[in-house]
Amino acid sequence: MLALFLFYVVPIRKSVVINNLKIAFPEKTESEINLIVKLNYISFATTFAELLFIPSLSKEKILSIIFVENPELLTSTIQNSQRTILMTAHFGNWEIGSLAISTILNKDLTVMVKPQRNGYVNNYVNKLREKFGNTTIPTGLSIKEIYKTLLKGGIIAAVADQRGHPDGLRVNFFNRSTAIFTGLFTMAIKSNALILFALLIREPSGNYRMVHHVIDYDTSNNTLDENVALASKKYFDYLESYIKQNPEQWFWMHKIWKY
């Protein structure tokens, strides 16, 4: 009901969603685009509703609703790494994803967050993120703290699909030159951290499937800039492939192609 209200009555960023989808899927008809838009609003409303239930969720409940592909590989990969940056995206329910991974690994994460303008909303969401012992750290003012966490063997978790500076690095994303934010990739490579791509995909049942991939780079032969470009491209290639499988689950309300 919330999704339909937003779709028909108060169409927040509807034009942005339609425009983004037309760029990403030029082969789709107008009716196909409109269907994805409606499903996208339903996905967004579902994510919002799920946030209201997080305070009542136990670790056991979270584990019961999430299927992890190759869980042993996920665990061993992170355990064998001295430092890790976990990169996800605004896809499915990324907030539950950080709680799920910390529960699976039995290890607290440091979650990079963008402060919300509304102080009440900001405090509420951060409280959810810290439910099982994770800590939050604001973006932009925390570079030294992030490096300290990495060098101590900590795990940094963050979304990495934000729009970057118009004059910065660009990657090919849905056949479109796209400005991306490279700060996370730069920090990872400078600290020689493991870069782990992970998404929580909502299934038709309402449960979730977690996919994960290591993003490799070569510090022995490549320069920092070359590795940043390489890792960024791999991240967005993975993201694009999963968006194509479930286009309604990505946050198309973001002006990723503003310039």
C-alpha atoms as a PDB file:
ATOM      1  CA  MET A   1       0.000   0.000   0.000  1.00  0.00           C
ATOM      2  CA  LEU A   2       2.859   2.377   0.786  1.00  0.00           C
ATOM      3  CA  ALA A   3       4.481   1.571  -2.555  1.00  0.00           C
ATOM      4  CA  LEU A   4       1.288   2.252  -4.496  1.00  0.00           C
ATOM      5  CA  PHE A   5       0.771   5.507  -2.578  1.00  0.00           C
ATOM      6  CA  LEU A   6       4.273   6.639  -3.524  1.00  0.00           C
ATOM      7  CA  PHE A   7       3.844   5.420  -7.094  1.00  0.00           C
ATOM      8  CA  TYR A   8       0.447   6.995  -7.851  1.00  0.00           C
ATOM      9  CA  VAL A   9      -0.246   9.746  -5.314  1.00  0.00           C
ATOM     10  CA  VAL A  10       3.136  11.167  -4.275  1.00  0.00           C
ATOM     11  CA  PRO A  11       5.469   9.962  -7.051  1.00  0.00           C
ATOM     12  CA  ILE A  12       8.736  10.761  -5.282  1.00  0.00           C
ATOM     13  CA  ARG A  13      11.587  10.670  -7.842  1.00  0.00           C
ATOM     14  CA  LYS A  14       9.454   8.651 -10.231  1.00  0.00           C
ATOM     15  CA  SER A  15      10.802  10.533 -13.224  1.00  0.00           C
ATOM     16  CA  VAL A  16      14.368   9.773 -12.067  1.00  0.00           C
ATOM     17  CA  VAL A  17      13.598   6.061 -11.813  1.00  0.00           C
ATOM     18  CA  ILE A  18      12.006   5.978 -15.274  1.00  0.00           C
ATOM     19  CA  ASN A  19      14.862   7.895 -16.864  1.00  0.00           C
ATOM     20  CA  ASN A  20      17.507   5.667 -15.245  1.00  0.00           C
ATOM     21  CA  LEU A  21      15.737   2.512 -16.355  1.00  0.00           C
ATOM     22  CA  LYS A  22      15.407   3.767 -19.931  1.00  0.00           C
ATOM     23  CA  ILE A  23      19.165   4.402 -19.983  1.00  0.00           C
ATOM     24  CA  ALA A  24      19.985   1.002 -18.479  1.00  0.00           C
ATOM     25  CA  PHE A  25      17.481  -0.999 -20.555  1.00  0.00           C
ATOM     26  CA  PRO A  26      16.941   0.788 -23.882  1.00  0.00           C
ATOM     27  CA  GLU A  27      15.601  -2.435 -25.377  1.00  0.00           C
ATOM     28  CA  LYS A  28      12.611  -2.605 -23.005  1.00  0.00           C
ATOM     29  CA  THR A  29       9.182  -1.301 -23.944  1.00  0.00           C
ATOM     30  CA  GLU A  30       7.419   1.454 -22.023  1.00  0.00           C
ATOM     31  CA  SER A  31       5.091  -1.061 -20.375  1.00  0.00           C
ATOM     32  CA  GLU A  32       8.060  -3.187 -19.295  1.00  0.00           C
ATOM     33  CA  ILE A  33       9.762  -0.119 -17.828  1.00  0.00           C
ATOM     34  CA  ASN A  34       6.594   0.889 -15.976  1.00  0.00           C
ATOM     35  CA  LEU A  35       6.298  -2.584 -14.467  1.00  0.00           C
ATOM     36  CA  ILE A  36       9.890  -2.451 -13.185  1.00  0.00           C
ATOM     37  CA  VAL A  37       9.209   1.032 -11.755  1.00  0.00           C
ATOM     38  CA  LYS A  38       6.184  -0.235  -9.846  1.00  0.00           C
ATOM     39  CA  LEU A  39       8.104  -3.266  -8.578  1.00  0.00           C
ATOM     40  CA  ASN A  40      10.965  -0.956  -7.604  1.00  0.00           C
ATOM     41  CA  TYR A  41       8.643   1.071  -5.391  1.00  0.00           C
ATOM     42  CA  ILE A  42       7.355  -2.142  -3.830  1.00  0.00           C
ATOM     43  CA  SER A  43      10.931  -3.257  -3.153  1.00  0.00           C
ATOM     44  CA  PHE A  44      11.778   0.106  -1.594  1.00  0.00           C
ATOM     45  CA  ALA A  45       8.659   0.040   0.597  1.00  0.00           C
ATOM     46  CA  THR A  46       9.437  -3.539   1.639  1.00  0.00           C
ATOM     47  CA  THR A  47      12.947  -2.534   2.679  1.00  0.00           C
ATOM     48  CA  PHE A  48      11.500   0.360   4.685  1.00  0.00           C
ATOM     49  CA  ALA A  49       8.978  -1.926   6.395  1.00  0.00           C
ATOM     50  CA  GLU A  50      11.673  -4.464   7.218  1.00  0.00           C
ATOM     51  CA  LEU A  51      13.691  -1.782   9.000  1.00  0.00           C
ATOM     52  CA  LEU A  52      10.820  -1.403  11.453  1.00  0.00           C
ATOM     53  CA  PHE A  53      11.122  -5.090  12.346  1.00  0.00           C
ATOM     54  CA  ILE A  54      14.899  -5.118  12.933  1.00  0.00           C
ATOM     55  CA  PRO A  55      14.596  -4.235  16.658  1.00  0.00           C
ATOM     56  CA  SER A  56      12.658  -7.468  17.214  1.00  0.00           C
ATOM     57  CA  LEU A  57      14.981  -9.689  15.173  1.00  0.00           C
ATOM     58  CA  SER A  58      17.282 -12.142  16.923  1.00  0.00           C
ATOM     59  CA  LYS A  59      20.496 -13.496  15.453  1.00  0.00           C
ATOM     60  CA  GLU A  60      18.789 -16.853  15.042  1.00  0.00           C
ATOM     61  CA  LYS A  61      15.926 -15.286  13.108  1.00  0.00           C
ATOM     62  CA  ILE A  62      18.292 -13.434  10.784  1.00  0.00           C
ATOM     63  CA  LEU A  63      20.204 -16.625  10.045  1.00  0.00           C
ATOM     64  CA  SER A  64      16.932 -18.458   9.356  1.00  0.00           C
ATOM     65  CA  ILE A  65      15.873 -16.035   6.610  1.00  0.00           C
ATOM     66  CA  ILE A  66      19.211 -15.823   4.804  1.00  0.00           C
ATOM     67  CA  PHE A  67      20.793 -18.411   2.533  1.00  0.00           C
ATOM     68  CA  VAL A  68      24.491 -17.804   1.966  1.00  0.00           C
ATOM     69  CA  GLU A  69      26.082 -19.115  -1.198  1.00  0.00           C
ATOM     70  CA  ASN A  70      29.344 -20.911  -0.290  1.00  0.00           C
ATOM     71  CA  PRO A  71      29.260 -19.956   3.419  1.00  0.00           C
ATOM     72  CA  GLU A  72      32.508 -21.809   4.160  1.00  0.00           C
ATOM     73  CA  LEU A  73      34.287 -19.798   1.465  1.00  0.00           C
ATOM     74  CA  LEU A  74      32.932 -16.547   2.879  1.00  0.00           C
ATOM     75  CA  THR A  75      34.126 -17.406   6.376  1.00  0.00           C
ATOM     76  CA  SER A  76      37.529 -18.732   5.377  1.00  0.00           C
ATOM     77  CA  THR A  77      38.197 -15.829   3.001  1.00  0.00           C
ATOM     78  CA  ILE A  78      37.687 -13.230   5.718  1.00  0.00           C
ATOM     79  CA  GLN A  79      39.413 -15.258   8.430  1.00  0.00           C
ATOM     80  CA  ASN A  80      42.500 -15.559   6.225  1.00  0.00           C
ATOM     81  CA  SER A  81      42.580 -11.828   5.554  1.00  0.00           C
ATOM     82  CA  GLN A  82      44.424  -9.391   7.809  1.00  0.00           C
ATOM     83  CA  ARG A  83      42.030  -6.575   6.907  1.00  0.00           C
ATOM     84  CA  THR A  84      38.811  -6.405   4.895  1.00  0.00           C
ATOM     85  CA  ILE A  85      36.590  -3.848   3.205  1.00  0.00           C
ATOM     86  CA  LEU A  86      33.153  -5.278   2.534  1.00  0.00           C
ATOM     87  CA  MET A  87      31.503  -3.451  -0.351  1.00  0.00           C
ATOM     88  CA  THR A  88      27.794  -3.782  -0.921  1.00  0.00           C
ATOM     89  CA  ALA A  89      25.252  -1.626  -2.769  1.00  0.00           C
ATOM     90  CA  HIS A  90      21.817  -0.079  -2.341  1.00  0.00           C
ATOM     91  CA  PHE A  91      20.272  -3.364  -3.378  1.00  0.00           C
ATOM     92  CA  GLY A  92      17.748  -5.683  -1.706  1.00  0.00           C
ATOM     93  CA  ASN A  93      18.099  -4.862   1.986  1.00  0.00           C
ATOM     94  CA  TRP A  94      21.651  -3.683   2.567  1.00  0.00           C
ATOM     95  CA  GLU A  95      20.949  -2.775   6.207  1.00  0.00           C
ATOM     96  CA  ILE A  96      20.051  -6.341   7.166  1.00  0.00           C
ATOM     97  CA  GLY A  97      23.074  -7.473   5.156  1.00  0.00           C
ATOM     98  CA  SER A  98      25.595  -5.948   7.571  1.00  0.00           C
ATOM     99  CA  LEU A  99      23.807  -7.528  10.536  1.00  0.00           C
ATOM    100  CA  ALA A 100      23.750 -10.864   8.748  1.00  0.00           C
ATOM    101  CA  ILE A 101      27.460 -10.907   7.922  1.00  0.00           C
ATOM    102  CA  SER A 102      28.500  -9.920  11.433  1.00  0.00           C
ATOM    103  CA  THR A 103      26.265 -12.716  12.745  1.00  0.00           C
ATOM    104  CA  ILE A 104      27.619 -15.298  10.309  1.00  0.00           C
ATOM    105  CA  LEU A 105      31.235 -14.372  11.048  1.00  0.00           C
ATOM    106  CA  ASN A 106      30.604 -13.773  14.751  1.00  0.00           C
ATOM    107  CA  LYS A 107      32.629 -10.599  14.351  1.00  0.00           C
ATOM    108  CA  ASP A 108      31.643  -6.953  14.686  1.00  0.00           C
ATOM    109  CA  LEU A 109      31.812  -4.669  11.659  1.00  0.00           C
ATOM    110  CA  THR A 110      32.553  -0.975  11.373  1.00  0.00           C
ATOM    111  CA  VAL A 111      29.838   0.387   9.108  1.00  0.00           C
ATOM    112  CA  MET A 112      30.484   3.579   7.154  1.00  0.00           C
ATOM    113  CA  VAL A 113      27.304   5.652   7.041  1.00  0.00           C
ATOM    114  CA  LYS A 114      26.153   8.881   5.471  1.00  0.00           C
ATOM    115  CA  PRO A 115      24.461  10.954   8.212  1.00  0.00           C
ATOM    116  CA  GLN A 116      20.770  11.649   7.617  1.00  0.00           C
ATOM    117  CA  ARG A 117      19.499  15.214   7.705  1.00  0.00           C
ATOM    118  CA  ASN A 118      16.790  14.298  10.175  1.00  0.00           C
ATOM    119  CA  GLY A 119      18.479  13.676  13.522  1.00  0.00           C
ATOM    120  CA  TYR A 120      15.738  11.334  14.770  1.00  0.00           C
ATOM    121  CA  VAL A 121      15.938   9.183  11.636  1.00  0.00           C
ATOM    122  CA  ASN A 122      19.748   9.211  11.780  1.00  0.00           C
ATOM    123  CA  ASN A 123      19.810   8.013  15.402  1.00  0.00           C
ATOM    124  CA  TYR A 124      17.139   5.366  14.780  1.00  0.00           C
ATOM    125  CA  VAL A 125      18.872   3.850  11.747  1.00  0.00           C
ATOM    126  CA  ASN A 126      22.291   3.882  13.431  1.00  0.00           C
ATOM    127  CA  LYS A 127      20.804   2.128  16.437  1.00  0.00           C
ATOM    128  CA  LEU A 128      19.551  -0.604  14.089  1.00  0.00           C
ATOM    129  CA  ARG A 129      22.977  -0.922  12.491  1.00  0.00           C
ATOM    130  CA  GLU A 130      24.607  -1.326  15.907  1.00  0.00           C
ATOM    131  CA  LYS A 131      22.067  -3.850  17.186  1.00  0.00           C
ATOM    132  CA  PHE A 132      24.468  -6.800  17.472  1.00  0.00           C
ATOM    133  CA  GLY A 133      27.650  -4.915  18.331  1.00  0.00           C
ATOM    134  CA  ASN A 134      28.572  -3.285  15.037  1.00  0.00           C
ATOM    135  CA  THR A 135      29.778   0.299  15.192  1.00  0.00           C
ATOM    136  CA  THR A 136      28.983   3.140  12.805  1.00  0.00           C
ATOM    137  CA  ILE A 137      31.342   5.779  11.548  1.00  0.00           C
ATOM    138  CA  PRO A 138      30.290   8.788   9.430  1.00  0.00           C
ATOM    139  CA  THR A 139      31.700   9.224   5.951  1.00  0.00           C
ATOM    140  CA  GLY A 140      33.895  12.162   5.137  1.00  0.00           C
ATOM    141  CA  LEU A 141      35.277  12.823   8.606  1.00  0.00           C
ATOM    142  CA  SER A 142      36.696   9.434   9.472  1.00  0.00           C
ATOM    143  CA  ILE A 143      39.574   8.545   7.152  1.00  0.00           C
ATOM    144  CA  LYS A 144      42.114   8.137   9.965  1.00  0.00           C
ATOM    145  CA  GLU A 145      39.698   6.043  12.020  1.00  0.00           C
ATOM    146  CA  ILE A 146      38.995   3.805   9.047  1.00  0.00           C
ATOM    147  CA  TYR A 147      42.700   3.192   8.469  1.00  0.00           C
ATOM    148  CA  LYS A 148      43.166   2.454  12.169  1.00  0.00           C
ATOM    149  CA  THR A 149      40.351  -0.090  12.032  1.00  0.00           C
ATOM    150  CA  LEU A 150      41.800  -1.770   8.951  1.00  0.00           C
ATOM    151  CA  LEU A 151      45.338  -1.923  10.326  1.00  0.00           C
ATOM    152  CA  LYS A 152      44.000  -3.566  13.484  1.00  0.00           C
ATOM    153  CA  GLY A 153      42.414  -6.301  11.371  1.00  0.00           C
ATOM    154  CA  GLY A 154      38.899  -4.898  11.444  1.00  0.00           C
ATOM    155  CA  ILE A 155      36.198  -5.171   8.829  1.00  0.00           C
ATOM    156  CA  ILE A 156      34.854  -2.016   7.196  1.00  0.00           C
ATOM    157  CA  ALA A 157      31.426  -2.298   5.580  1.00  0.00           C
ATOM    158  CA  ALA A 158      30.040   0.299   3.184  1.00  0.00           C
ATOM    159  CA  VAL A 159      27.925   0.835   0.095  1.00  0.00           C
ATOM    160  CA  ALA A 160      30.114   1.659  -2.894  1.00  0.00           C
ATOM    161  CA  ASP A 161      27.634   2.576  -5.619  1.00  0.00           C
ATOM    162  CA  GLN A 162      27.474   6.322  -4.959  1.00  0.00           C
ATOM    163  CA  ARG A 163      27.890   8.856  -7.722  1.00  0.00           C
ATOM    164  CA  GLY A 164      31.375  10.356  -7.894  1.00  0.00           C
ATOM    165  CA  HIS A 165      32.818  13.728  -8.888  1.00  0.00           C
ATOM    166  CA  PRO A 166      32.180  14.683 -12.536  1.00  0.00           C
ATOM    167  CA  ASP A 167      35.921  15.041 -13.147  1.00  0.00           C
ATOM    168  CA  GLY A 168      36.867  11.838 -11.329  1.00  0.00           C
ATOM    169  CA  LEU A 169      37.215   8.234 -12.422  1.00  0.00           C
ATOM    170  CA  ARG A 170      34.533   6.835 -14.692  1.00  0.00           C
ATOM    171  CA  VAL A 171      33.553   3.258 -15.478  1.00  0.00           C
ATOM    172  CA  ASN A 172      31.305   1.716 -18.085  1.00  0.00           C
ATOM    173  CA  PHE A 173      28.074   0.929 -16.241  1.00  0.00           C
ATOM    174  CA  PHE A 174      25.122  -0.223 -18.360  1.00  0.00           C
ATOM    175  CA  ASN A 175      26.994   1.022 -21.444  1.00  0.00           C
ATOM    176  CA  ARG A 176      27.135   4.513 -19.980  1.00  0.00           C
ATOM    177  CA  SER A 177      30.213   6.442 -18.836  1.00  0.00           C
ATOM    178  CA  THR A 178      29.546   6.755 -15.109  1.00  0.00           C
ATOM    179  CA  ALA A 179      31.299   8.914 -12.516  1.00  0.00           C
ATOM    180  CA  ILE A 180      31.988   6.826  -9.427  1.00  0.00           C
ATOM    181  CA  PHE A 181      33.210   7.411  -5.892  1.00  0.00           C
ATOM    182  CA  THR A 182      36.665   5.851  -5.565  1.00  0.00           C
ATOM    183  CA  GLY A 183      37.486   6.599  -1.925  1.00  0.00           C
ATOM    184  CA  LEU A 184      36.713   3.093  -0.689  1.00  0.00           C
ATOM    185  CA  PHE A 185      38.763   1.436  -3.412  1.00  0.00           C
ATOM    186  CA  THR A 186      41.698   3.751  -2.752  1.00  0.00           C
ATOM    187  CA  MET A 187      41.624   3.028   0.981  1.00  0.00           C
ATOM    188  CA  ALA A 188      41.427  -0.701   0.366  1.00  0.00           C
ATOM    189  CA  ILE A 189      44.381  -0.784  -1.995  1.00  0.00           C
ATOM    190  CA  LYS A 190      46.550   1.582   0.054  1.00  0.00           C
ATOM    191  CA  SER A 191      46.065  -0.637   3.099  1.00  0.00           C
ATOM    192  CA  ASN A 192      46.366  -3.839   1.036  1.00  0.00           C
ATOM    193  CA  ALA A 193      42.941  -4.926   2.267  1.00  0.00           C
ATOM    194  CA  LEU A 194      40.765  -7.707   0.941  1.00  0.00           C
ATOM    195  CA  ILE A 195      37.904  -6.266  -1.122  1.00  0.00           C
ATOM    196  CA  LEU A 196      34.804  -8.400  -0.772  1.00  0.00           C
ATOM    197  CA  PHE A 197      31.733  -7.684  -2.914  1.00  0.00           C
ATOM    198  CA  ALA A 198      28.513  -8.895  -1.294  1.00  0.00           C
ATOM    199  CA  LEU A 199      24.798  -8.443  -1.973  1.00  0.00           C
ATOM    200  CA  LEU A 200      21.667  -9.534  -0.174  1.00  0.00           C
ATOM    201  CA  ILE A 201      19.090 -10.493  -2.813  1.00  0.00           C
ATOM    202  CA  ARG A 202      15.425 -10.673  -1.827  1.00  0.00           C
ATOM    203  CA  GLU A 203      13.801 -13.912  -2.951  1.00  0.00           C
ATOM    204  CA  PRO A 204      10.098 -14.329  -3.891  1.00  0.00           C
ATOM    205  CA  SER A 205       9.547 -16.020  -0.521  1.00  0.00           C
ATOM    206  CA  GLY A 206      10.625 -12.858   1.294  1.00  0.00           C
ATOM    207  CA  ASN A 207      13.817 -14.499   2.493  1.00  0.00           C
ATOM    208  CA  TYR A 208      17.257 -13.517   1.226  1.00  0.00           C
ATOM    209  CA  ARG A 209      20.159 -15.009  -0.698  1.00  0.00           C
ATOM    210  CA  MET A 210      23.643 -13.647  -0.066  1.00  0.00           C
ATOM    211  CA  VAL A 211      26.173 -13.674  -2.894  1.00  0.00           C
ATOM    212  CA  HIS A 212      29.814 -12.691  -2.495  1.00  0.00           C
ATOM    213  CA  HIS A 213      32.937 -12.338  -4.637  1.00  0.00           C
ATOM    214  CA  VAL A 214      36.528 -11.346  -3.940  1.00  0.00           C
ATOM    215  CA  ILE A 215      37.693  -8.413  -6.071  1.00  0.00           C
ATOM    216  CA  ASP A 216      41.339  -9.069  -6.925  1.00  0.00           C
ATOM    217  CA  TYR A 217      43.984  -6.474  -7.701  1.00  0.00           C
ATOM    218  CA  ASP A 218      47.764  -6.606  -8.201  1.00  0.00           C
ATOM    219  CA  THR A 219      49.934  -4.326  -6.054  1.00  0.00           C
ATOM    220  CA  SER A 220      53.163  -5.877  -7.336  1.00  0.00           C
ATOM    221  CA  ASN A 221      52.808  -4.730 -10.947  1.00  0.00           C
ATOM    222  CA  ASN A 222      50.073  -2.097 -11.051  1.00  0.00           C
ATOM    223  CA  THR A 223      50.135   1.471  -9.812  1.00  0.00           C
ATOM    224  CA  LEU A 224      47.614   2.687  -7.242  1.00  0.00           C
ATOM    225  CA  ASP A 225      45.533   4.391  -9.928  1.00  0.00           C
ATOM    226  CA  GLU A 226      45.568   1.289 -12.117  1.00  0.00           C
ATOM    227  CA  ASN A 227      44.400  -0.892  -9.228  1.00  0.00           C
ATOM    228  CA  VAL A 228      41.673   1.571  -8.263  1.00  0.00           C
ATOM    229  CA  ALA A 229      40.398   1.542 -11.848  1.00  0.00           C
ATOM    230  CA  LEU A 230      40.629  -2.265 -12.022  1.00  0.00           C
ATOM    231  CA  ALA A 231      38.855  -2.899  -8.710  1.00  0.00           C
ATOM    232  CA  SER A 232      36.170  -0.308  -9.452  1.00  0.00           C
ATOM    233  CA  LYS A 233      35.409  -1.869 -12.813  1.00  0.00           C
ATOM    234  CA  LYS A 234      35.112  -5.349 -11.286  1.00  0.00           C
ATOM    235  CA  TYR A 235      32.788  -4.059  -8.571  1.00  0.00           C
ATOM    236  CA  PHE A 236      30.458  -2.364 -11.054  1.00  0.00           C
ATOM    237  CA  ASP A 237      30.576  -5.340 -13.421  1.00  0.00           C
ATOM    238  CA  TYR A 238      29.369  -7.588 -10.582  1.00  0.00           C
ATOM    239  CA  LEU A 239      26.724  -5.077  -9.576  1.00  0.00           C
ATOM    240  CA  GLU A 240      25.438  -4.685 -13.125  1.00  0.00           C
ATOM    241  CA  SER A 241      25.122  -8.443 -13.568  1.00  0.00           C
ATOM    242  CA  TYR A 242      22.964  -8.798 -10.442  1.00  0.00           C
ATOM    243  CA  ILE A 243      20.881  -5.733 -11.273  1.00  0.00           C
ATOM    244  CA  LYS A 244      20.072  -7.254 -14.655  1.00  0.00           C
ATOM    245  CA  GLN A 245      18.799 -10.369 -12.873  1.00  0.00           C
ATOM    246  CA  ASN A 246      16.707  -8.372 -10.375  1.00  0.00           C
ATOM    247  CA  PRO A 247      16.309  -4.834 -11.767  1.00  0.00           C
ATOM    248  CA  GLU A 248      13.574  -3.903  -9.297  1.00  0.00           C
ATOM    249  CA  GLN A 249      15.858  -4.339  -6.289  1.00  0.00           C
ATOM    250  CA  TRP A 250      18.418  -1.585  -6.963  1.00  0.00           C
ATOM    251  CA  PHE A 251      17.845   1.965  -5.736  1.00  0.00           C
ATOM    252  CA  TRP A 252      17.062   3.637  -9.071  1.00  0.00           C
ATOM    253  CA  MET A 253      15.913   6.815  -7.286  1.00  0.00           C
ATOM    254  CA  HIS A 254      19.564   7.845  -7.098  1.00  0.00           C
ATOM    255  CA  LYS A 255      20.738  10.157  -9.931  1.00  0.00           C
ATOM    256  CA  ILE A 256      23.667   7.940 -10.860  1.00  0.00           C
ATOM    257  CA  TRP A 257      23.850   9.534 -14.339  1.00  0.00           C
ATOM    258  CA  LYS A 258      23.450  13.166 -13.289  1.00  0.00           C
ATOM    259  CA  TYR A 259      26.426  14.108 -15.486  1.00  0.00           C
END
